[in-house]
Amino acid sequence: MTRIKLGDFALARSGDKGNGSNVGIFARNREDYEFLKRVLTPERVKKHFASICKGDVVRYEAENLLALNFILHDSLGGGGSASMKTDAQGKTHALGLLEMVVER
């Protein structure tokens, strides 16, 4: 087993969904996608974002895109112009997820 950052083998994009952020992570191939499905549970993503995500984390699978999409509820301090957070639209949350270290 080797410790590796998700960003070393996956891509991600994020944005806002009201008071929640939307984080999509994309695999480059089927093998990496199957690995991501095993290790990126909603619970693990919630723990990774524990300091900002106060609500539930929901995962959606997009097999045809080799992607997982996570909604981090109550993670933007009200969202958009209602929030005092530096990143009220969750644009940096993708980079935050790519920093997660996994054993592979």
PDB file of N, CA and C in Angstrom:
ATOM      1  N   MET A   1       0.835  -1.187   0.000  1.00  0.00           N
ATOM      2  CA  MET A   1       0.000   0.000   0.000  1.00  0.00           C
ATOM      3  C   MET A   1       0.880   1.252   0.000  1.00  0.00           C
ATOM      4  N   THR A   2       0.486   2.203  -0.783  1.00  0.00           N
ATOM      5  CA  THR A   2       1.185   3.477  -0.881  1.00  0.00           C
ATOM      6  C   THR A   2       0.221   4.598  -0.536  1.00  0.00           C
ATOM      7  N   ARG A   3       0.700   5.593   0.206  1.00  0.00           N
ATOM      8  CA  ARG A   3      -0.116   6.767   0.507  1.00  0.00           C
ATOM      9  C   ARG A   3       0.023   7.751  -0.649  1.00  0.00           C
ATOM     10  N   ILE A   4      -1.129   8.199  -1.176  1.00  0.00           N
ATOM     11  CA  ILE A   4      -1.142   9.066  -2.343  1.00  0.00           C
ATOM     12  C   ILE A   4      -2.302  10.055  -2.235  1.00  0.00           C
ATOM     13  N   LYS A   5      -2.104  11.256  -2.741  1.00  0.00           N
ATOM     14  CA  LYS A   5      -3.179  12.245  -2.774  1.00  0.00           C
ATOM     15  C   LYS A   5      -4.115  11.948  -3.940  1.00  0.00           C
ATOM     16  N   LEU A   6      -5.391  12.208  -3.738  1.00  0.00           N
ATOM     17  CA  LEU A   6      -6.355  12.009  -4.828  1.00  0.00           C
ATOM     18  C   LEU A   6      -5.954  12.824  -6.058  1.00  0.00           C
ATOM     19  N   GLY A   7      -5.396  13.997  -5.839  1.00  0.00           N
ATOM     20  CA  GLY A   7      -4.991  14.857  -6.946  1.00  0.00           C
ATOM     21  C   GLY A   7      -3.896  14.285  -7.822  1.00  0.00           C
ATOM     22  N   ASP A   8      -3.227  13.230  -7.353  1.00  0.00           N
ATOM     23  CA  ASP A   8      -2.192  12.599  -8.163  1.00  0.00           C
ATOM     24  C   ASP A   8      -2.772  11.694  -9.250  1.00  0.00           C
ATOM     25  N   PHE A   9      -4.078  11.359  -9.140  1.00  0.00           N
ATOM     26  CA  PHE A   9      -4.658  10.484 -10.163  1.00  0.00           C
ATOM     27  C   PHE A   9      -6.104  10.821 -10.527  1.00  0.00           C
ATOM     28  N   ALA A  10      -6.637  11.893  -9.979  1.00  0.00           N
ATOM     29  CA  ALA A  10      -8.022  12.256 -10.282  1.00  0.00           C
ATOM     30  C   ALA A  10      -8.123  13.762 -10.535  1.00  0.00           C
ATOM     31  N   LEU A  11      -9.248  14.159 -11.093  1.00  0.00           N
ATOM     32  CA  LEU A  11      -9.558  15.565 -11.363  1.00  0.00           C
ATOM     33  C   LEU A  11     -10.804  15.935 -10.570  1.00  0.00           C
ATOM     34  N   ALA A  12     -11.021  17.227 -10.321  1.00  0.00           N
ATOM     35  CA  ALA A  12     -12.217  17.630  -9.576  1.00  0.00           C
ATOM     36  C   ALA A  12     -12.658  19.029  -9.984  1.00  0.00           C
ATOM     37  N   ARG A  13     -13.930  19.307  -9.699  1.00  0.00           N
ATOM     38  CA  ARG A  13     -14.518  20.621  -9.967  1.00  0.00           C
ATOM     39  C   ARG A  13     -15.581  20.859  -8.906  1.00  0.00           C
ATOM     40  N   SER A  14     -15.741  22.102  -8.491  1.00  0.00           N
ATOM     41  CA  SER A  14     -16.742  22.381  -7.458  1.00  0.00           C
ATOM     42  C   SER A  14     -17.405  23.727  -7.673  1.00  0.00           C
ATOM     43  N   GLY A  15     -18.513  23.907  -6.972  1.00  0.00           N
ATOM     44  CA  GLY A  15     -19.252  25.157  -7.012  1.00  0.00           C
ATOM     45  C   GLY A  15     -20.338  25.133  -5.962  1.00  0.00           C
ATOM     46  N   ASP A  16     -21.207  26.123  -6.020  1.00  0.00           N
ATOM     47  CA  ASP A  16     -22.230  26.232  -4.982  1.00  0.00           C
ATOM     48  C   ASP A  16     -23.581  25.700  -5.441  1.00  0.00           C
ATOM     49  N   LYS A  17     -24.326  25.230  -4.472  1.00  0.00           N
ATOM     50  CA  LYS A  17     -25.719  24.815  -4.638  1.00  0.00           C
ATOM     51  C   LYS A  17     -26.460  25.407  -3.446  1.00  0.00           C
ATOM     52  N   GLY A  18     -26.751  26.700  -3.497  1.00  0.00           N
ATOM     53  CA  GLY A  18     -27.383  27.371  -2.364  1.00  0.00           C
ATOM     54  C   GLY A  18     -26.413  27.439  -1.203  1.00  0.00           C
ATOM     55  N   ASN A  19     -26.790  26.862  -0.071  1.00  0.00           N
ATOM     56  CA  ASN A  19     -25.932  26.846   1.106  1.00  0.00           C
ATOM     57  C   ASN A  19     -25.043  25.600   1.139  1.00  0.00           C
ATOM     58  N   GLY A  20     -25.052  24.818   0.081  1.00  0.00           N
ATOM     59  CA  GLY A  20     -24.210  23.631   0.006  1.00  0.00           C
ATOM     60  C   GLY A  20     -23.256  23.731  -1.160  1.00  0.00           C
ATOM     61  N   SER A  21     -22.177  22.980  -1.074  1.00  0.00           N
ATOM     62  CA  SER A  21     -21.261  22.948  -2.208  1.00  0.00           C
ATOM     63  C   SER A  21     -21.393  21.621  -2.943  1.00  0.00           C
ATOM     64  N   ASN A  22     -21.069  21.682  -4.190  1.00  0.00           N
ATOM     65  CA  ASN A  22     -21.153  20.558  -5.104  1.00  0.00           C
ATOM     66  C   ASN A  22     -19.725  20.238  -5.532  1.00  0.00           C
ATOM     67  N   VAL A  23     -19.249  19.024  -5.219  1.00  0.00           N
ATOM     68  CA  VAL A  23     -17.880  18.650  -5.570  1.00  0.00           C
ATOM     69  C   VAL A  23     -17.928  17.397  -6.433  1.00  0.00           C
ATOM     70  N   GLY A  24     -17.463  17.522  -7.660  1.00  0.00           N
ATOM     71  CA  GLY A  24     -17.377  16.380  -8.563  1.00  0.00           C
ATOM     72  C   GLY A  24     -15.935  15.942  -8.676  1.00  0.00           C
ATOM     73  N   ILE A  25     -15.704  14.632  -8.600  1.00  0.00           N
ATOM     74  CA  ILE A  25     -14.353  14.091  -8.770  1.00  0.00           C
ATOM     75  C   ILE A  25     -14.397  13.077  -9.911  1.00  0.00           C
ATOM     76  N   PHE A  26     -13.420  13.171 -10.790  1.00  0.00           N
ATOM     77  CA  PHE A  26     -13.415  12.409 -12.029  1.00  0.00           C
ATOM     78  C   PHE A  26     -12.184  11.518 -12.114  1.00  0.00           C
ATOM     79  N   ALA A  27     -12.404  10.261 -12.464  1.00  0.00           N
ATOM     80  CA  ALA A  27     -11.298   9.318 -12.664  1.00  0.00           C
ATOM     81  C   ALA A  27     -10.871   9.368 -14.129  1.00  0.00           C
ATOM     82  N   ARG A  28      -9.641   9.006 -14.373  1.00  0.00           N
ATOM     83  CA  ARG A  28      -9.119   8.987 -15.747  1.00  0.00           C
ATOM     84  C   ARG A  28      -9.372   7.649 -16.445  1.00  0.00           C
ATOM     85  N   ASN A  29      -9.691   6.623 -15.642  1.00  0.00           N
ATOM     86  CA  ASN A  29      -9.947   5.303 -16.218  1.00  0.00           C
ATOM     87  C   ASN A  29     -10.860   4.509 -15.286  1.00  0.00           C
ATOM     88  N   ARG A  30     -11.363   3.392 -15.757  1.00  0.00           N
ATOM     89  CA  ARG A  30     -12.320   2.564 -15.009  1.00  0.00           C
ATOM     90  C   ARG A  30     -11.722   2.044 -13.692  1.00  0.00           C
ATOM     91  N   GLU A  31     -10.471   1.620 -13.716  1.00  0.00           N
ATOM     92  CA  GLU A  31      -9.835   1.100 -12.499  1.00  0.00           C
ATOM     93  C   GLU A  31      -9.804   2.178 -11.404  1.00  0.00           C
ATOM     94  N   ASP A  32      -9.415   3.382 -11.766  1.00  0.00           N
ATOM     95  CA  ASP A  32      -9.380   4.468 -10.781  1.00  0.00           C
ATOM     96  C   ASP A  32     -10.786   4.811 -10.291  1.00  0.00           C
ATOM     97  N   TYR A  33     -11.761   4.751 -11.180  1.00  0.00           N
ATOM     98  CA  TYR A  33     -13.146   5.029 -10.786  1.00  0.00           C
ATOM     99  C   TYR A  33     -13.638   4.006  -9.754  1.00  0.00           C
ATOM    100  N   GLU A  34     -13.370   2.741 -10.002  1.00  0.00           N
ATOM    101  CA  GLU A  34     -13.786   1.707  -9.050  1.00  0.00           C
ATOM    102  C   GLU A  34     -13.101   1.908  -7.695  1.00  0.00           C
ATOM    103  N   PHE A  35     -11.848   2.325  -7.719  1.00  0.00           N
ATOM    104  CA  PHE A  35     -11.141   2.629  -6.479  1.00  0.00           C
ATOM    105  C   PHE A  35     -11.807   3.802  -5.758  1.00  0.00           C
ATOM    106  N   LEU A  36     -12.104   4.869  -6.488  1.00  0.00           N
ATOM    107  CA  LEU A  36     -12.755   6.036  -5.880  1.00  0.00           C
ATOM    108  C   LEU A  36     -14.098   5.660  -5.259  1.00  0.00           C
ATOM    109  N   LYS A  37     -14.857   4.801  -5.941  1.00  0.00           N
ATOM    110  CA  LYS A  37     -16.149   4.372  -5.383  1.00  0.00           C
ATOM    111  C   LYS A  37     -15.966   3.657  -4.054  1.00  0.00           C
ATOM    112  N   ARG A  38     -14.894   2.891  -3.913  1.00  0.00           N
ATOM    113  CA  ARG A  38     -14.644   2.166  -2.667  1.00  0.00           C
ATOM    114  C   ARG A  38     -14.198   3.087  -1.533  1.00  0.00           C
ATOM    115  N   VAL A  39     -13.318   4.035  -1.833  1.00  0.00           N
ATOM    116  CA  VAL A  39     -12.717   4.816  -0.748  1.00  0.00           C
ATOM    117  C   VAL A  39     -13.423   6.135  -0.440  1.00  0.00           C
ATOM    118  N   LEU A  40     -14.107   6.711  -1.406  1.00  0.00           N
ATOM    119  CA  LEU A  40     -14.749   8.011  -1.173  1.00  0.00           C
ATOM    120  C   LEU A  40     -16.205   7.840  -0.772  1.00  0.00           C
ATOM    121  N   THR A  41     -16.396   7.457   0.449  1.00  0.00           N
ATOM    122  CA  THR A  41     -17.748   7.344   0.988  1.00  0.00           C
ATOM    123  C   THR A  41     -18.204   8.721   1.454  1.00  0.00           C
ATOM    124  N   PRO A  42     -19.512   8.930   1.555  1.00  0.00           N
ATOM    125  CA  PRO A  42     -19.994  10.206   2.101  1.00  0.00           C
ATOM    126  C   PRO A  42     -19.430  10.482   3.494  1.00  0.00           C
ATOM    127  N   GLU A  43     -19.283   9.443   4.297  1.00  0.00           N
ATOM    128  CA  GLU A  43     -18.751   9.609   5.647  1.00  0.00           C
ATOM    129  C   GLU A  43     -17.299  10.098   5.627  1.00  0.00           C
ATOM    130  N   ARG A  44     -16.517   9.545   4.722  1.00  0.00           N
ATOM    131  CA  ARG A  44     -15.110   9.958   4.642  1.00  0.00           C
ATOM    132  C   ARG A  44     -14.983  11.390   4.130  1.00  0.00           C
ATOM    133  N   VAL A  45     -15.800  11.748   3.158  1.00  0.00           N
ATOM    134  CA  VAL A  45     -15.773  13.120   2.637  1.00  0.00           C
ATOM    135  C   VAL A  45     -16.233  14.095   3.718  1.00  0.00           C
ATOM    136  N   LYS A  46     -17.273  13.722   4.460  1.00  0.00           N
ATOM    137  CA  LYS A  46     -17.755  14.577   5.562  1.00  0.00           C
ATOM    138  C   LYS A  46     -16.647  14.784   6.591  1.00  0.00           C
ATOM    139  N   LYS A  47     -15.935  13.728   6.946  1.00  0.00           N
ATOM    140  CA  LYS A  47     -14.842  13.840   7.912  1.00  0.00           C
ATOM    141  C   LYS A  47     -13.739  14.748   7.375  1.00  0.00           C
ATOM    142  N   HIS A  48     -13.430  14.613   6.087  1.00  0.00           N
ATOM    143  CA  HIS A  48     -12.384  15.428   5.464  1.00  0.00           C
ATOM    144  C   HIS A  48     -12.742  16.914   5.527  1.00  0.00           C
ATOM    145  N   PHE A  49     -14.023  17.227   5.372  1.00  0.00           N
ATOM    146  CA  PHE A  49     -14.489  18.610   5.388  1.00  0.00           C
ATOM    147  C   PHE A  49     -15.174  18.978   6.709  1.00  0.00           C
ATOM    148  N   ALA A  50     -14.825  18.296   7.783  1.00  0.00           N
ATOM    149  CA  ALA A  50     -15.500  18.479   9.076  1.00  0.00           C
ATOM    150  C   ALA A  50     -15.517  19.931   9.544  1.00  0.00           C
ATOM    151  N   SER A  51     -14.498  20.690   9.239  1.00  0.00           N
ATOM    152  CA  SER A  51     -14.439  22.066   9.734  1.00  0.00           C
ATOM    153  C   SER A  51     -15.382  23.010   8.985  1.00  0.00           C
ATOM    154  N   ILE A  52     -15.841  22.611   7.802  1.00  0.00           N
ATOM    155  CA  ILE A  52     -16.739  23.508   7.051  1.00  0.00           C
ATOM    156  C   ILE A  52     -18.108  22.914   6.770  1.00  0.00           C
ATOM    157  N   CYS A  53     -18.223  21.600   6.735  1.00  0.00           N
ATOM    158  CA  CYS A  53     -19.495  20.959   6.373  1.00  0.00           C
ATOM    159  C   CYS A  53     -20.273  20.606   7.632  1.00  0.00           C
ATOM    160  N   LYS A  54     -21.355  21.338   7.868  1.00  0.00           N
ATOM    161  CA  LYS A  54     -22.166  21.133   9.075  1.00  0.00           C
ATOM    162  C   LYS A  54     -23.373  20.228   8.824  1.00  0.00           C
ATOM    163  N   GLY A  55     -23.670  19.944   7.578  1.00  0.00           N
ATOM    164  CA  GLY A  55     -24.810  19.095   7.234  1.00  0.00           C
ATOM    165  C   GLY A  55     -24.377  17.752   6.685  1.00  0.00           C
ATOM    166  N   ASP A  56     -25.330  17.064   6.083  1.00  0.00           N
ATOM    167  CA  ASP A  56     -25.070  15.757   5.486  1.00  0.00           C
ATOM    168  C   ASP A  56     -24.246  15.882   4.214  1.00  0.00           C
ATOM    169  N   VAL A  57     -23.586  14.794   3.850  1.00  0.00           N
ATOM    170  CA  VAL A  57     -22.907  14.679   2.565  1.00  0.00           C
ATOM    171  C   VAL A  57     -23.608  13.568   1.797  1.00  0.00           C
ATOM    172  N   VAL A  58     -24.019  13.877   0.582  1.00  0.00           N
ATOM    173  CA  VAL A  58     -24.709  12.911  -0.274  1.00  0.00           C
ATOM    174  C   VAL A  58     -23.842  12.664  -1.502  1.00  0.00           C
ATOM    175  N   ARG A  59     -23.706  11.389  -1.893  1.00  0.00           N
ATOM    176  CA  ARG A  59     -22.899  11.018  -3.058  1.00  0.00           C
ATOM    177  C   ARG A  59     -23.789  10.512  -4.179  1.00  0.00           C
ATOM    178  N   TYR A  60     -23.486  10.971  -5.387  1.00  0.00           N
ATOM    179  CA  TYR A  60     -24.148  10.490  -6.597  1.00  0.00           C
ATOM    180  C   TYR A  60     -23.079   9.918  -7.515  1.00  0.00           C
ATOM    181  N   GLU A  61     -23.382   8.783  -8.131  1.00  0.00           N
ATOM    182  CA  GLU A  61     -22.440   8.135  -9.040  1.00  0.00           C
ATOM    183  C   GLU A  61     -22.843   8.408 -10.488  1.00  0.00           C
ATOM    184  N   ALA A  62     -21.862   8.769 -11.288  1.00  0.00           N
ATOM    185  CA  ALA A  62     -22.078   8.986 -12.719  1.00  0.00           C
ATOM    186  C   ALA A  62     -21.142   8.044 -13.465  1.00  0.00           C
ATOM    187  N   GLU A  63     -21.577   6.792 -13.573  1.00  0.00           N
ATOM    188  CA  GLU A  63     -20.754   5.734 -14.183  1.00  0.00           C
ATOM    189  C   GLU A  63     -20.264   6.117 -15.582  1.00  0.00           C
ATOM    190  N   ASN A  64     -21.154   6.712 -16.379  1.00  0.00           N
ATOM    191  CA  ASN A  64     -20.801   7.028 -17.766  1.00  0.00           C
ATOM    192  C   ASN A  64     -19.712   8.102 -17.862  1.00  0.00           C
ATOM    193  N   LEU A  65     -19.528   8.890 -16.806  1.00  0.00           N
ATOM    194  CA  LEU A  65     -18.491   9.923 -16.783  1.00  0.00           C
ATOM    195  C   LEU A  65     -17.286   9.521 -15.939  1.00  0.00           C
ATOM    196  N   LEU A  66     -17.357   8.345 -15.323  1.00  0.00           N
ATOM    197  CA  LEU A  66     -16.331   7.898 -14.373  1.00  0.00           C
ATOM    198  C   LEU A  66     -16.161   8.950 -13.280  1.00  0.00           C
ATOM    199  N   ALA A  67     -17.298   9.408 -12.754  1.00  0.00           N
ATOM    200  CA  ALA A  67     -17.282  10.505 -11.789  1.00  0.00           C
ATOM    201  C   ALA A  67     -18.180  10.228 -10.590  1.00  0.00           C
ATOM    202  N   LEU A  68     -17.831  10.861  -9.489  1.00  0.00           N
ATOM    203  CA  LEU A  68     -18.656  10.886  -8.288  1.00  0.00           C
ATOM    204  C   LEU A  68     -18.968  12.343  -8.001  1.00  0.00           C
ATOM    205  N   ASN A  69     -20.185  12.616  -7.604  1.00  0.00           N
ATOM    206  CA  ASN A  69     -20.588  13.975  -7.280  1.00  0.00           C
ATOM    207  C   ASN A  69     -21.059  14.000  -5.831  1.00  0.00           C
ATOM    208  N   PHE A  70     -20.511  14.908  -5.049  1.00  0.00           N
ATOM    209  CA  PHE A  70     -20.866  15.039  -3.642  1.00  0.00           C
ATOM    210  C   PHE A  70     -21.542  16.377  -3.404  1.00  0.00           C
ATOM    211  N   ILE A  71     -22.629  16.344  -2.654  1.00  0.00           N
ATOM    212  CA  ILE A  71     -23.259  17.568  -2.189  1.00  0.00           C
ATOM    213  C   ILE A  71     -22.949  17.676  -0.702  1.00  0.00           C
ATOM    214  N   LEU A  72     -22.283  18.761  -0.329  1.00  0.00           N
ATOM    215  CA  LEU A  72     -21.935  19.023   1.061  1.00  0.00           C
ATOM    216  C   LEU A  72     -22.947  20.035   1.587  1.00  0.00           C
ATOM    217  N   HIS A  73     -23.986  19.546   2.250  1.00  0.00           N
ATOM    218  CA  HIS A  73     -25.038  20.419   2.753  1.00  0.00           C
ATOM    219  C   HIS A  73     -24.525  21.285   3.901  1.00  0.00           C
ATOM    220  N   ASP A  74     -25.015  22.501   3.954  1.00  0.00           N
ATOM    221  CA  ASP A  74     -24.667  23.461   5.017  1.00  0.00           C
ATOM    222  C   ASP A  74     -23.154  23.615   5.143  1.00  0.00           C
ATOM    223  N   SER A  75     -22.520  23.962   4.026  1.00  0.00           N
ATOM    224  CA  SER A  75     -21.067  24.111   4.019  1.00  0.00           C
ATOM    225  C   SER A  75     -20.602  25.499   3.588  1.00  0.00           C
ATOM    226  N   LEU A  76     -21.560  26.393   3.292  1.00  0.00           N
ATOM    227  CA  LEU A  76     -21.172  27.692   2.753  1.00  0.00           C
ATOM    228  C   LEU A  76     -21.593  28.877   3.614  1.00  0.00           C
ATOM    229  N   GLY A  77     -21.988  28.628   4.841  1.00  0.00           N
ATOM    230  CA  GLY A  77     -22.327  29.735   5.732  1.00  0.00           C
ATOM    231  C   GLY A  77     -23.468  30.595   5.231  1.00  0.00           C
ATOM    232  N   GLY A  78     -24.421  29.989   4.558  1.00  0.00           N
ATOM    233  CA  GLY A  78     -25.555  30.723   4.007  1.00  0.00           C
ATOM    234  C   GLY A  78     -25.499  30.833   2.494  1.00  0.00           C
ATOM    235  N   GLY A  79     -24.316  30.730   1.923  1.00  0.00           N
ATOM    236  CA  GLY A  79     -24.144  30.749   0.474  1.00  0.00           C
ATOM    237  C   GLY A  79     -24.133  32.146  -0.118  1.00  0.00           C
ATOM    238  N   GLY A  80     -23.480  32.282  -1.264  1.00  0.00           N
ATOM    239  CA  GLY A  80     -23.449  33.517  -2.033  1.00  0.00           C
ATOM    240  C   GLY A  80     -23.226  34.770  -1.212  1.00  0.00           C
ATOM    241  N   SER A  81     -24.071  35.739  -1.414  1.00  0.00           N
ATOM    242  CA  SER A  81     -23.912  37.036  -0.738  1.00  0.00           C
ATOM    243  C   SER A  81     -24.324  37.010   0.733  1.00  0.00           C
ATOM    244  N   ALA A  82     -24.951  35.924   1.195  1.00  0.00           N
ATOM    245  CA  ALA A  82     -25.365  35.826   2.599  1.00  0.00           C
ATOM    246  C   ALA A  82     -24.229  35.389   3.515  1.00  0.00           C
ATOM    247  N   SER A  83     -23.143  34.904   2.951  1.00  0.00           N
ATOM    248  CA  SER A  83     -22.069  34.310   3.743  1.00  0.00           C
ATOM    249  C   SER A  83     -20.914  35.273   3.973  1.00  0.00           C
ATOM    250  N   MET A  84     -20.280  35.128   5.114  1.00  0.00           N
ATOM    251  CA  MET A  84     -19.059  35.874   5.413  1.00  0.00           C
ATOM    252  C   MET A  84     -17.808  35.038   5.103  1.00  0.00           C
ATOM    253  N   LYS A  85     -18.010  33.825   4.569  1.00  0.00           N
ATOM    254  CA  LYS A  85     -16.876  32.956   4.248  1.00  0.00           C
ATOM    255  C   LYS A  85     -16.108  33.517   3.057  1.00  0.00           C
ATOM    256  N   THR A  86     -14.800  33.272   3.051  1.00  0.00           N
ATOM    257  CA  THR A  86     -13.954  33.720   1.946  1.00  0.00           C
ATOM    258  C   THR A  86     -14.384  33.082   0.628  1.00  0.00           C
ATOM    259  N   ASP A  87     -14.779  31.818   0.665  1.00  0.00           N
ATOM    260  CA  ASP A  87     -15.197  31.102  -0.538  1.00  0.00           C
ATOM    261  C   ASP A  87     -16.671  30.738  -0.401  1.00  0.00           C
ATOM    262  N   ALA A  88     -17.547  31.723  -0.539  1.00  0.00           N
ATOM    263  CA  ALA A  88     -18.982  31.513  -0.342  1.00  0.00           C
ATOM    264  C   ALA A  88     -19.622  30.687  -1.456  1.00  0.00           C
ATOM    265  N   GLN A  89     -18.927  30.448  -2.554  1.00  0.00           N
ATOM    266  CA  GLN A  89     -19.452  29.611  -3.624  1.00  0.00           C
ATOM    267  C   GLN A  89     -18.794  28.235  -3.693  1.00  0.00           C
ATOM    268  N   GLY A  90     -17.923  27.916  -2.782  1.00  0.00           N
ATOM    269  CA  GLY A  90     -17.326  26.580  -2.727  1.00  0.00           C
ATOM    270  C   GLY A  90     -16.373  26.259  -3.861  1.00  0.00           C
ATOM    271  N   LYS A  91     -15.819  27.267  -4.517  1.00  0.00           N
ATOM    272  CA  LYS A  91     -14.945  27.026  -5.672  1.00  0.00           C
ATOM    273  C   LYS A  91     -13.657  26.292  -5.306  1.00  0.00           C
ATOM    274  N   THR A  92     -13.198  26.424  -4.077  1.00  0.00           N
ATOM    275  CA  THR A  92     -11.949  25.759  -3.688  1.00  0.00           C
ATOM    276  C   THR A  92     -12.169  24.385  -3.072  1.00  0.00           C
ATOM    277  N   HIS A  93     -13.412  23.967  -2.909  1.00  0.00           N
ATOM    278  CA  HIS A  93     -13.669  22.674  -2.276  1.00  0.00           C
ATOM    279  C   HIS A  93     -13.131  21.508  -3.101  1.00  0.00           C
ATOM    280  N   ALA A  94     -13.095  21.644  -4.418  1.00  0.00           N
ATOM    281  CA  ALA A  94     -12.518  20.585  -5.258  1.00  0.00           C
ATOM    282  C   ALA A  94     -11.045  20.404  -4.936  1.00  0.00           C
ATOM    283  N   LEU A  95     -10.333  21.515  -4.815  1.00  0.00           N
ATOM    284  CA  LEU A  95      -8.910  21.426  -4.480  1.00  0.00           C
ATOM    285  C   LEU A  95      -8.722  20.813  -3.103  1.00  0.00           C
ATOM    286  N   GLY A  96      -9.625  21.137  -2.184  1.00  0.00           N
ATOM    287  CA  GLY A  96      -9.556  20.551  -0.850  1.00  0.00           C
ATOM    288  C   GLY A  96      -9.717  19.044  -0.872  1.00  0.00           C
ATOM    289  N   LEU A  97     -10.642  18.553  -1.698  1.00  0.00           N
ATOM    290  CA  LEU A  97     -10.843  17.103  -1.787  1.00  0.00           C
ATOM    291  C   LEU A  97      -9.642  16.428  -2.438  1.00  0.00           C
ATOM    292  N   LEU A  98      -9.046  17.060  -3.444  1.00  0.00           N
ATOM    293  CA  LEU A  98      -7.885  16.465  -4.110  1.00  0.00           C
ATOM    294  C   LEU A  98      -6.672  16.369  -3.184  1.00  0.00           C
ATOM    295  N   GLU A  99      -6.690  17.055  -2.075  1.00  0.00           N
ATOM    296  CA  GLU A  99      -5.611  16.973  -1.087  1.00  0.00           C
ATOM    297  C   GLU A  99      -5.749  15.755  -0.174  1.00  0.00           C
ATOM    298  N   MET A 100      -6.915  15.101  -0.209  1.00  0.00           N
ATOM    299  CA  MET A 100      -7.127  13.927   0.642  1.00  0.00           C
ATOM    300  C   MET A 100      -6.101  12.838   0.305  1.00  0.00           C
ATOM    301  N   VAL A 101      -5.510  12.263   1.338  1.00  0.00           N
ATOM    302  CA  VAL A 101      -4.538  11.181   1.165  1.00  0.00           C
ATOM    303  C   VAL A 101      -5.245   9.843   1.382  1.00  0.00           C
ATOM    304  N   VAL A 102      -5.022   8.926   0.454  1.00  0.00           N
ATOM    305  CA  VAL A 102      -5.602   7.583   0.537  1.00  0.00           C
ATOM    306  C   VAL A 102      -4.482   6.562   0.420  1.00  0.00           C
ATOM    307  N   GLU A 103      -4.783   5.342   0.857  1.00  0.00           N
ATOM    308  CA  GLU A 103      -3.826   4.252   0.692  1.00  0.00           C
ATOM    309  C   GLU A 103      -4.226   3.437  -0.522  1.00  0.00           C
ATOM    310  N   ARG A 104      -3.268   3.232  -1.371  1.00  0.00           N
ATOM    311  CA  ARG A 104      -3.557   2.546  -2.625  1.00  0.00           C
ATOM    312  C   ARG A 104      -2.536   1.474  -2.893  1.00  0.00           C
TER     313      ARG A 104
END
